[in-house]
């Protein structure tokens, strides 16, 4: 009897079966693509210095159409136009202009090809078909495998406003990391207690091992955030992102050199003294492993460890170790040199 009563009550209050999965009123289904083909993959993976193609293919050619390629810029929340074509003619725009072209392998192909891929090319791109009231678009992500590293200047932590942090990363053969790159680096083990700028103007720090100086032991591991900050007034460190560069090499020259002698030693070999980003790239992608501290272009002394061992700092994890910024007159270290593009 109890089961019959419950079943009767359910029939009274339950909605009709046909309405259970109905879309709420006022929420139209997103328009289906009519002319643009949905890409098989949403991301294109490439390396710095390579040539990459972002696919955009039409299934039919509407009358009086245009295709517009643009790049989404997270730092200023806008899109930058790259190229516009009507199928017969095209025009390039912006700083990417010298390095982009339409692949145009057939008349339905509006794919974008980028040559000599640079760090700043990573990000989200949009291919938009402009066709009167029936505009359509597809989004793709250009992804570079890379490494994120924290960076601070010789005069200590929390010295950069946003613009100084951006410039500091660029000077070290890198760029400000995106939040997504920082988050991925955290999942791969990046643990850093100092907060730093990322590309969109927000400030974060990644914690693997919760501890008192870094928010306390009770907070769970994660990417802690300070949110958006004043780009002119607020000061933090920087999180930089760099990637492998085809045809490049970082190597060590042993010696007891001061900073000036270190630079000259590299030039004697037809190379330049390595930048911090170049050393991190060699450590990450070429497995450079040396127990010797060496000068770098910013005046710091560092060494890369891929196989941790007791006599090389004693830390249990791989990484690029730092001796900080010693006096440039000290004739104590070797030097790391860079050859490549």
Foldseek 3Di string as FASTA:
>chain_A
DVVVVVVVVCVVPPDPPVPPPDDDPPDDDPDDDDWWDADPDQEDEDFAQAKDKAWIFTPDQDPPKKKWKWFQQLQVRDIHTAKMDNLPDMDGDDPQPVFWDAPCPDSRTRMIMGGRHAQVPFHKMKIWMDDPPDIDIYMHTYDYDWAKDWDDAQVDWFPAQQVRQQVVLVVQQWGFAAPVRVQVNLVVPDADQWWAAHRNQWIWGFHDQADDSRPHNVDHGGIGTPTHDDRPPGTGITITIHHDHPPKDKDWDWFQAFQVVQQVVQVVVVWGFHGPRVQRRCCVPVVAADLFWAAHPSQWTKGWHCCDDCSRPHDHHGDIGTPRRDPSPGRHGITMTMDDD
